[in-house]
Amino acid sequence: MRIIISPAKRMREEDTLPCEGAPHFLPQAEQLFQAMRAISRNELQALWNCGDAIADQNVRRLHARSPRDGTTPALLAYEGIQYRYMAPGVFTAEQFRYVQRHLRILSGLYGVLRPFDGVIPYRLEMQARLRTQKAADLYGFWGSQIADLLWAETDCIVNLASKEYSLCVSRFVPPGARFITCIFGQQHNGKIIEKGTLCKMARGEMVRYLAETEAEDPRSMRNFSRLGYSFDPVRSDESNYVFVAGPPSRTGAKKR
């Protein structure tokens, strides 16, 4: 079983724990760095969809470092909501070993990261339309490479990533494999509504739950009951595990 999650825009450098390897797709990351270095500062700001201060910071990073210079474990480098609720800074040694085996972080720059792969701070979302010699955007650049690497490791992937990132895998599910998406929703007029911030919180909590329980079977996720969520067997199926904040459905057709 592998668990996939999205990265976060905000990053930091952290050396409290050592790295345990390099990203698998370093040559590809260097190609993307070169493509970004070849365009103007204003084009980069548009590509990154950010303000002046963040653009200036990331232009400096772009020209000062290489993707090979990473000294921060990927799991500790990202600072988004999902990572705060996952709280890897207080993982036990056993939980770190669990996520190193099972957790994979998808990245616009690095493709796929294990938790202890060394990374540098960067800004490049998967949906960015960065043109390279190979393709007009990152989906074209990465193609099936990310999925191929993951499916070579397992026949079951638990999707805790946003659609922007999970598309890199969900488009390439081989016959007989399982791709299980976790949906965290709120009940509203009889329907389930996913709210971005709450979903990020729940995804982080789910990673922590899986690490704490050292889960090896995706069905164990059905016991998740944090942040007010519970598994909804009526709305769920083999490919979608639906967790609802509030009482689960007991009758009626499946809705989403």
C-alpha atoms as a PDB file:
ATOM      1  CA  MET A   1       0.000   0.000   0.000  1.00  0.00           C
ATOM      2  CA  ARG A   2       1.134   3.517  -0.837  1.00  0.00           C
ATOM      3  CA  ILE A   3      -0.415   6.773   0.350  1.00  0.00           C
ATOM      4  CA  ILE A   4      -0.139   9.848  -1.877  1.00  0.00           C
ATOM      5  CA  ILE A   5      -0.443  13.445  -0.688  1.00  0.00           C
ATOM      6  CA  SER A   6       0.046  16.891  -2.202  1.00  0.00           C
ATOM      7  CA  PRO A   7       2.924  19.222  -1.357  1.00  0.00           C
ATOM      8  CA  ALA A   8       2.392  22.735   0.046  1.00  0.00           C
ATOM      9  CA  LYS A   9       3.318  26.106  -1.424  1.00  0.00           C
ATOM     10  CA  ARG A  10       5.091  27.296   1.722  1.00  0.00           C
ATOM     11  CA  MET A  11       8.401  25.616   2.431  1.00  0.00           C
ATOM     12  CA  ARG A  12      11.177  25.870   4.992  1.00  0.00           C
ATOM     13  CA  GLU A  13      14.641  24.494   5.587  1.00  0.00           C
ATOM     14  CA  GLU A  14      14.958  22.136   8.533  1.00  0.00           C
ATOM     15  CA  ASP A  15      18.020  20.128   9.587  1.00  0.00           C
ATOM     16  CA  THR A  16      16.856  18.507  12.827  1.00  0.00           C
ATOM     17  CA  LEU A  17      16.689  15.131  11.051  1.00  0.00           C
ATOM     18  CA  PRO A  18      19.044  13.898   8.336  1.00  0.00           C
ATOM     19  CA  CYS A  19      17.973  13.067   4.808  1.00  0.00           C
ATOM     20  CA  GLU A  20      18.047   9.419   3.805  1.00  0.00           C
ATOM     21  CA  GLY A  21      18.313   9.622   0.053  1.00  0.00           C
ATOM     22  CA  ALA A  22      17.809  11.693  -3.061  1.00  0.00           C
ATOM     23  CA  PRO A  23      14.639  12.138  -5.118  1.00  0.00           C
ATOM     24  CA  HIS A  24      14.184   9.512  -7.830  1.00  0.00           C
ATOM     25  CA  PHE A  25      13.556  12.043 -10.607  1.00  0.00           C
ATOM     26  CA  LEU A  26      16.476  14.446 -10.035  1.00  0.00           C
ATOM     27  CA  PRO A  27      17.398  14.659 -13.759  1.00  0.00           C
ATOM     28  CA  GLN A  28      13.835  15.708 -14.552  1.00  0.00           C
ATOM     29  CA  ALA A  29      13.862  18.255 -11.712  1.00  0.00           C
ATOM     30  CA  GLU A  30      17.022  19.790 -13.146  1.00  0.00           C
ATOM     31  CA  GLN A  31      15.378  20.035 -16.575  1.00  0.00           C
ATOM     32  CA  LEU A  32      12.478  21.938 -15.027  1.00  0.00           C
ATOM     33  CA  PHE A  33      14.867  24.235 -13.159  1.00  0.00           C
ATOM     34  CA  GLN A  34      16.642  25.032 -16.418  1.00  0.00           C
ATOM     35  CA  ALA A  35      13.320  25.750 -18.118  1.00  0.00           C
ATOM     36  CA  MET A  36      12.407  28.223 -15.369  1.00  0.00           C
ATOM     37  CA  ARG A  37      15.827  29.867 -15.471  1.00  0.00           C
ATOM     38  CA  ALA A  38      15.333  30.501 -19.190  1.00  0.00           C
ATOM     39  CA  ILE A  39      12.302  32.769 -18.739  1.00  0.00           C
ATOM     40  CA  SER A  40      12.010  36.307 -17.378  1.00  0.00           C
ATOM     41  CA  ARG A  41      11.208  37.342 -13.840  1.00  0.00           C
ATOM     42  CA  ASN A  42       7.762  38.623 -14.894  1.00  0.00           C
ATOM     43  CA  GLU A  43       7.019  35.363 -16.678  1.00  0.00           C
ATOM     44  CA  LEU A  44       8.046  33.457 -13.565  1.00  0.00           C
ATOM     45  CA  GLN A  45       5.749  35.564 -11.406  1.00  0.00           C
ATOM     46  CA  ALA A  46       2.857  34.787 -13.747  1.00  0.00           C
ATOM     47  CA  LEU A  47       3.793  31.103 -13.760  1.00  0.00           C
ATOM     48  CA  TRP A  48       3.876  31.016  -9.965  1.00  0.00           C
ATOM     49  CA  ASN A  49       0.745  33.201  -9.614  1.00  0.00           C
ATOM     50  CA  CYS A  50       2.154  35.104  -6.658  1.00  0.00           C
ATOM     51  CA  GLY A  51       2.951  38.584  -5.391  1.00  0.00           C
ATOM     52  CA  ASP A  52       6.192  40.519  -5.804  1.00  0.00           C
ATOM     53  CA  ALA A  53       7.827  39.463  -2.526  1.00  0.00           C
ATOM     54  CA  ILE A  54       7.249  35.745  -3.080  1.00  0.00           C
ATOM     55  CA  ALA A  55       8.367  36.051  -6.698  1.00  0.00           C
ATOM     56  CA  ASP A  56      11.607  37.779  -5.690  1.00  0.00           C
ATOM     57  CA  GLN A  57      12.300  35.168  -3.014  1.00  0.00           C
ATOM     58  CA  ASN A  58      11.823  32.290  -5.430  1.00  0.00           C
ATOM     59  CA  VAL A  59      13.817  33.900  -8.233  1.00  0.00           C
ATOM     60  CA  ARG A  60      16.741  34.123  -5.801  1.00  0.00           C
ATOM     61  CA  ARG A  61      16.266  30.483  -4.841  1.00  0.00           C
ATOM     62  CA  LEU A  62      16.061  29.464  -8.482  1.00  0.00           C
ATOM     63  CA  HIS A  63      19.425  30.962  -9.368  1.00  0.00           C
ATOM     64  CA  ALA A  64      21.261  30.132  -6.129  1.00  0.00           C
ATOM     65  CA  ARG A  65      20.604  26.410  -5.784  1.00  0.00           C
ATOM     66  CA  SER A  66      20.112  23.171  -7.678  1.00  0.00           C
ATOM     67  CA  PRO A  67      17.481  20.479  -6.989  1.00  0.00           C
ATOM     68  CA  ARG A  68      20.420  18.255  -6.051  1.00  0.00           C
ATOM     69  CA  ASP A  69      21.318  20.529  -3.112  1.00  0.00           C
ATOM     70  CA  GLY A  70      18.456  19.384  -0.898  1.00  0.00           C
ATOM     71  CA  THR A  71      19.286  19.080   2.794  1.00  0.00           C
ATOM     72  CA  THR A  72      15.773  19.095   4.275  1.00  0.00           C
ATOM     73  CA  PRO A  73      13.710  15.879   4.440  1.00  0.00           C
ATOM     74  CA  ALA A  74      10.666  16.413   2.227  1.00  0.00           C
ATOM     75  CA  LEU A  75       8.188  15.613   4.999  1.00  0.00           C
ATOM     76  CA  LEU A  76       9.602  18.436   7.146  1.00  0.00           C
ATOM     77  CA  ALA A  77      10.040  20.922   4.298  1.00  0.00           C
ATOM     78  CA  TYR A  78       6.364  21.682   3.633  1.00  0.00           C
ATOM     79  CA  GLU A  79       4.355  23.998   5.895  1.00  0.00           C
ATOM     80  CA  GLY A  80       0.744  23.780   4.701  1.00  0.00           C
ATOM     81  CA  ILE A  81      -2.399  23.000   6.693  1.00  0.00           C
ATOM     82  CA  GLN A  82      -2.246  19.313   5.855  1.00  0.00           C
ATOM     83  CA  TYR A  83       1.277  19.069   7.259  1.00  0.00           C
ATOM     84  CA  ARG A  84       0.369  20.923  10.444  1.00  0.00           C
ATOM     85  CA  TYR A  85      -2.390  18.426  11.170  1.00  0.00           C
ATOM     86  CA  MET A  86      -0.147  15.527  10.255  1.00  0.00           C
ATOM     87  CA  ALA A  87       2.396  16.952  12.729  1.00  0.00           C
ATOM     88  CA  PRO A  88       5.443  14.942  11.625  1.00  0.00           C
ATOM     89  CA  GLY A  89       7.598  16.934  14.038  1.00  0.00           C
ATOM     90  CA  VAL A  90       6.223  14.804  16.870  1.00  0.00           C
ATOM     91  CA  PHE A  91       6.226  11.436  15.085  1.00  0.00           C
ATOM     92  CA  THR A  92       7.837   8.540  16.910  1.00  0.00           C
ATOM     93  CA  ALA A  93      10.670   6.585  15.317  1.00  0.00           C
ATOM     94  CA  GLU A  94       8.171   3.852  14.397  1.00  0.00           C
ATOM     95  CA  GLN A  95       5.860   6.369  12.744  1.00  0.00           C
ATOM     96  CA  PHE A  96       8.729   7.825  10.732  1.00  0.00           C
ATOM     97  CA  ARG A  97       9.636   4.338   9.555  1.00  0.00           C
ATOM     98  CA  TYR A  98       6.015   3.723   8.583  1.00  0.00           C
ATOM     99  CA  VAL A  99       5.680   6.866   6.473  1.00  0.00           C
ATOM    100  CA  GLN A 100       9.056   6.300   4.828  1.00  0.00           C
ATOM    101  CA  ARG A 101       7.750   2.939   3.611  1.00  0.00           C
ATOM    102  CA  HIS A 102       4.222   3.953   2.707  1.00  0.00           C
ATOM    103  CA  LEU A 103       3.882   7.712   2.167  1.00  0.00           C
ATOM    104  CA  ARG A 104       4.722   9.470  -1.106  1.00  0.00           C
ATOM    105  CA  ILE A 105       4.553  13.216  -1.696  1.00  0.00           C
ATOM    106  CA  LEU A 106       3.719  14.281  -5.250  1.00  0.00           C
ATOM    107  CA  SER A 107       5.603  17.323  -6.522  1.00  0.00           C
ATOM    108  CA  GLY A 108       5.527  19.515  -9.600  1.00  0.00           C
ATOM    109  CA  LEU A 109       9.326  19.799  -9.476  1.00  0.00           C
ATOM    110  CA  TYR A 110      10.485  16.457  -8.086  1.00  0.00           C
ATOM    111  CA  GLY A 111       7.675  14.197  -9.314  1.00  0.00           C
ATOM    112  CA  VAL A 112       7.556  11.793  -6.361  1.00  0.00           C
ATOM    113  CA  LEU A 113       9.225  12.172  -2.971  1.00  0.00           C
ATOM    114  CA  ARG A 114       9.742   9.784  -0.111  1.00  0.00           C
ATOM    115  CA  PRO A 115       9.491  11.529   3.269  1.00  0.00           C
ATOM    116  CA  PHE A 116      13.252  11.567   3.855  1.00  0.00           C
ATOM    117  CA  ASP A 117      14.360  12.517   0.346  1.00  0.00           C
ATOM    118  CA  GLY A 118      16.370  15.740   0.501  1.00  0.00           C
ATOM    119  CA  VAL A 119      14.756  18.772  -1.130  1.00  0.00           C
ATOM    120  CA  ILE A 120      15.312  22.498  -1.476  1.00  0.00           C
ATOM    121  CA  PRO A 121      12.598  25.174  -1.159  1.00  0.00           C
ATOM    122  CA  TYR A 122      10.983  25.808  -4.547  1.00  0.00           C
ATOM    123  CA  ARG A 123       7.741  27.008  -6.084  1.00  0.00           C
ATOM    124  CA  LEU A 124       6.179  25.006  -8.914  1.00  0.00           C
ATOM    125  CA  GLU A 125       2.631  23.714  -8.760  1.00  0.00           C
ATOM    126  CA  MET A 126       1.611  20.754 -10.891  1.00  0.00           C
ATOM    127  CA  GLN A 127      -0.965  22.831 -12.777  1.00  0.00           C
ATOM    128  CA  ALA A 128       1.664  25.409 -13.825  1.00  0.00           C
ATOM    129  CA  ARG A 129       1.953  25.811 -17.584  1.00  0.00           C
ATOM    130  CA  LEU A 130       5.738  25.614 -17.749  1.00  0.00           C
ATOM    131  CA  ARG A 131       6.814  24.942 -21.309  1.00  0.00           C
ATOM    132  CA  THR A 132       9.762  22.590 -21.808  1.00  0.00           C
ATOM    133  CA  GLN A 133      11.306  20.956 -24.854  1.00  0.00           C
ATOM    134  CA  LYS A 134       9.170  17.939 -24.042  1.00  0.00           C
ATOM    135  CA  ALA A 135       5.734  19.426 -23.368  1.00  0.00           C
ATOM    136  CA  ALA A 136       3.603  22.542 -22.939  1.00  0.00           C
ATOM    137  CA  ASP A 137       2.827  21.918 -19.270  1.00  0.00           C
ATOM    138  CA  LEU A 138       3.797  19.723 -16.328  1.00  0.00           C
ATOM    139  CA  TYR A 139       1.120  17.111 -16.954  1.00  0.00           C
ATOM    140  CA  GLY A 140       2.625  16.561 -20.373  1.00  0.00           C
ATOM    141  CA  PHE A 141       6.169  16.684 -19.005  1.00  0.00           C
ATOM    142  CA  TRP A 142       5.555  14.034 -16.362  1.00  0.00           C
ATOM    143  CA  GLY A 143       3.178  11.909 -18.421  1.00  0.00           C
ATOM    144  CA  SER A 144       2.935   8.474 -16.793  1.00  0.00           C
ATOM    145  CA  GLN A 145       6.355   8.610 -15.091  1.00  0.00           C
ATOM    146  CA  ILE A 146       4.977   9.337 -11.612  1.00  0.00           C
ATOM    147  CA  ALA A 147       2.289   6.669 -11.879  1.00  0.00           C
ATOM    148  CA  ASP A 148       4.684   4.100 -13.321  1.00  0.00           C
ATOM    149  CA  LEU A 149       7.056   4.502 -10.384  1.00  0.00           C
ATOM    150  CA  LEU A 150       4.271   4.200  -7.813  1.00  0.00           C
ATOM    151  CA  TRP A 151       2.548   1.225  -9.424  1.00  0.00           C
ATOM    152  CA  ALA A 152       5.895  -0.570  -9.599  1.00  0.00           C
ATOM    153  CA  GLU A 153       5.902  -0.439  -5.773  1.00  0.00           C
ATOM    154  CA  THR A 154       2.324  -1.498  -5.015  1.00  0.00           C
ATOM    155  CA  ASP A 155      -1.045  -2.561  -6.378  1.00  0.00           C
ATOM    156  CA  CYS A 156      -3.002  -0.342  -3.959  1.00  0.00           C
ATOM    157  CA  ILE A 157      -2.782   3.444  -3.667  1.00  0.00           C
ATOM    158  CA  VAL A 158      -4.669   5.499  -1.091  1.00  0.00           C
ATOM    159  CA  ASN A 159      -5.301   8.942  -2.535  1.00  0.00           C
ATOM    160  CA  LEU A 160      -5.102  11.791  -0.030  1.00  0.00           C
ATOM    161  CA  ALA A 161      -3.919  14.276  -2.660  1.00  0.00           C
ATOM    162  CA  SER A 162      -5.822  17.096  -4.330  1.00  0.00           C
ATOM    163  CA  LYS A 163      -7.163  16.492  -7.827  1.00  0.00           C
ATOM    164  CA  GLU A 164      -4.400  18.716  -9.241  1.00  0.00           C
ATOM    165  CA  TYR A 165      -1.833  16.155  -8.121  1.00  0.00           C
ATOM    166  CA  SER A 166      -3.800  12.905  -8.053  1.00  0.00           C
ATOM    167  CA  LEU A 167      -4.475  13.237 -11.803  1.00  0.00           C
ATOM    168  CA  CYS A 168      -0.846  12.246 -12.339  1.00  0.00           C
ATOM    169  CA  VAL A 169      -1.730   8.812 -10.968  1.00  0.00           C
ATOM    170  CA  SER A 170      -5.472   8.326 -11.440  1.00  0.00           C
ATOM    171  CA  ARG A 171      -5.149   8.532 -15.237  1.00  0.00           C
ATOM    172  CA  PHE A 172      -2.821   5.540 -15.267  1.00  0.00           C
ATOM    173  CA  VAL A 173      -4.342   2.864 -13.028  1.00  0.00           C
ATOM    174  CA  PRO A 174      -3.323  -0.584 -14.349  1.00  0.00           C
ATOM    175  CA  PRO A 175      -5.812  -3.467 -14.572  1.00  0.00           C
ATOM    176  CA  GLY A 176      -6.368  -5.168 -11.236  1.00  0.00           C
ATOM    177  CA  ALA A 177      -4.903  -2.315  -9.179  1.00  0.00           C
ATOM    178  CA  ARG A 178      -6.826  -0.348  -6.549  1.00  0.00           C
ATOM    179  CA  PHE A 179      -6.900   3.454  -6.414  1.00  0.00           C
ATOM    180  CA  ILE A 180      -8.886   4.548  -3.361  1.00  0.00           C
ATOM    181  CA  THR A 181      -9.763   8.227  -2.974  1.00  0.00           C
ATOM    182  CA  CYS A 182     -10.667   9.545   0.466  1.00  0.00           C
ATOM    183  CA  ILE A 183     -13.423  12.166   0.404  1.00  0.00           C
ATOM    184  CA  PHE A 184     -13.979  14.355   3.463  1.00  0.00           C
ATOM    185  CA  GLY A 185     -17.248  16.244   3.355  1.00  0.00           C
ATOM    186  CA  GLN A 186     -19.855  18.216   5.219  1.00  0.00           C
ATOM    187  CA  GLN A 187     -23.582  17.522   4.885  1.00  0.00           C
ATOM    188  CA  HIS A 188     -25.510  20.321   3.171  1.00  0.00           C
ATOM    189  CA  ASN A 189     -29.080  19.934   1.918  1.00  0.00           C
ATOM    190  CA  GLY A 190     -28.693  16.185   1.604  1.00  0.00           C
ATOM    191  CA  LYS A 191     -25.446  16.400  -0.331  1.00  0.00           C
ATOM    192  CA  ILE A 192     -21.798  16.123   0.632  1.00  0.00           C
ATOM    193  CA  ILE A 193     -19.790  19.296   0.139  1.00  0.00           C
ATOM    194  CA  GLU A 194     -15.989  19.252   0.259  1.00  0.00           C
ATOM    195  CA  LYS A 195     -14.427  22.391   1.732  1.00  0.00           C
ATOM    196  CA  GLY A 196     -10.780  22.998   0.904  1.00  0.00           C
ATOM    197  CA  THR A 197      -9.351  23.896   4.301  1.00  0.00           C
ATOM    198  CA  LEU A 198     -11.317  21.206   6.134  1.00  0.00           C
ATOM    199  CA  CYS A 199     -10.234  18.595   3.577  1.00  0.00           C
ATOM    200  CA  LYS A 200      -6.590  19.515   4.089  1.00  0.00           C
ATOM    201  CA  MET A 201      -6.981  19.209   7.841  1.00  0.00           C
ATOM    202  CA  ALA A 202      -8.618  15.787   7.508  1.00  0.00           C
ATOM    203  CA  ARG A 203      -6.015  14.493   5.052  1.00  0.00           C
ATOM    204  CA  GLY A 204      -3.256  15.373   7.472  1.00  0.00           C
ATOM    205  CA  GLU A 205      -5.106  13.699  10.339  1.00  0.00           C
ATOM    206  CA  MET A 206      -5.623  10.589   8.215  1.00  0.00           C
ATOM    207  CA  VAL A 207      -1.898  10.282   7.503  1.00  0.00           C
ATOM    208  CA  ARG A 208      -1.217  10.603  11.237  1.00  0.00           C
ATOM    209  CA  TYR A 209      -3.901   7.996  11.994  1.00  0.00           C
ATOM    210  CA  LEU A 210      -2.433   5.530   9.496  1.00  0.00           C
ATOM    211  CA  ALA A 211       1.062   6.063  10.905  1.00  0.00           C
ATOM    212  CA  GLU A 212      -0.085   5.689  14.511  1.00  0.00           C
ATOM    213  CA  THR A 213      -1.957   2.463  13.736  1.00  0.00           C
ATOM    214  CA  GLU A 214       0.724   1.230  11.290  1.00  0.00           C
ATOM    215  CA  ALA A 215      -2.060   0.341   8.862  1.00  0.00           C
ATOM    216  CA  GLU A 216      -1.279  -2.154   6.116  1.00  0.00           C
ATOM    217  CA  ASP A 217      -4.842  -2.689   4.850  1.00  0.00           C
ATOM    218  CA  PRO A 218      -6.778   0.282   3.404  1.00  0.00           C
ATOM    219  CA  ARG A 219      -9.980  -1.049   4.974  1.00  0.00           C
ATOM    220  CA  SER A 220      -8.615   0.021   8.351  1.00  0.00           C
ATOM    221  CA  MET A 221      -9.263   3.629   7.282  1.00  0.00           C
ATOM    222  CA  ARG A 222     -12.961   2.960   7.837  1.00  0.00           C
ATOM    223  CA  ASN A 223     -12.287   3.199  11.580  1.00  0.00           C
ATOM    224  CA  PHE A 224     -11.050   6.794  11.262  1.00  0.00           C
ATOM    225  CA  SER A 225     -13.069   9.068  13.558  1.00  0.00           C
ATOM    226  CA  ARG A 226     -11.157  12.307  14.050  1.00  0.00           C
ATOM    227  CA  LEU A 227     -12.164  15.957  13.598  1.00  0.00           C
ATOM    228  CA  GLY A 228     -15.797  14.838  13.792  1.00  0.00           C
ATOM    229  CA  TYR A 229     -15.615  12.598  10.702  1.00  0.00           C
ATOM    230  CA  SER A 230     -16.894   9.055  10.392  1.00  0.00           C
ATOM    231  CA  PHE A 231     -16.917   6.576   7.528  1.00  0.00           C
ATOM    232  CA  ASP A 232     -20.152   6.630   5.515  1.00  0.00           C
ATOM    233  CA  PRO A 233     -20.789   3.130   4.102  1.00  0.00           C
ATOM    234  CA  VAL A 234     -23.818   4.272   2.082  1.00  0.00           C
ATOM    235  CA  ARG A 235     -21.957   6.884   0.074  1.00  0.00           C
ATOM    236  CA  SER A 236     -18.725   4.867  -0.158  1.00  0.00           C
ATOM    237  CA  ASP A 237     -17.674   2.231  -2.674  1.00  0.00           C
ATOM    238  CA  GLU A 238     -14.515   0.269  -3.462  1.00  0.00           C
ATOM    239  CA  SER A 239     -12.817   3.271  -5.074  1.00  0.00           C
ATOM    240  CA  ASN A 240     -14.142   6.088  -2.884  1.00  0.00           C
ATOM    241  CA  TYR A 241     -14.084   6.135   0.893  1.00  0.00           C
ATOM    242  CA  VAL A 242     -16.425   8.904   2.039  1.00  0.00           C
ATOM    243  CA  PHE A 243     -16.054  10.415   5.497  1.00  0.00           C
ATOM    244  CA  VAL A 244     -18.765  12.765   6.694  1.00  0.00           C
ATOM    245  CA  ALA A 245     -18.683  15.281   9.516  1.00  0.00           C
ATOM    246  CA  GLY A 246     -21.850  14.419  11.397  1.00  0.00           C
ATOM    247  CA  PRO A 247     -24.015  11.285  11.472  1.00  0.00           C
ATOM    248  CA  PRO A 248     -23.350   8.917   8.524  1.00  0.00           C
ATOM    249  CA  SER A 249     -26.092   8.038   6.038  1.00  0.00           C
ATOM    250  CA  ARG A 250     -28.095   4.925   6.881  1.00  0.00           C
ATOM    251  CA  THR A 251     -30.609   4.697   4.069  1.00  0.00           C
ATOM    252  CA  GLY A 252     -31.108   5.918   0.559  1.00  0.00           C
ATOM    253  CA  ALA A 253     -29.069   6.015  -2.609  1.00  0.00           C
ATOM    254  CA  LYS A 254     -25.433   6.950  -2.728  1.00  0.00           C
ATOM    255  CA  LYS A 255     -24.871  10.668  -3.193  1.00  0.00           C
ATOM    256  CA  ARG A 256     -21.829  12.827  -3.709  1.00  0.00           C
END
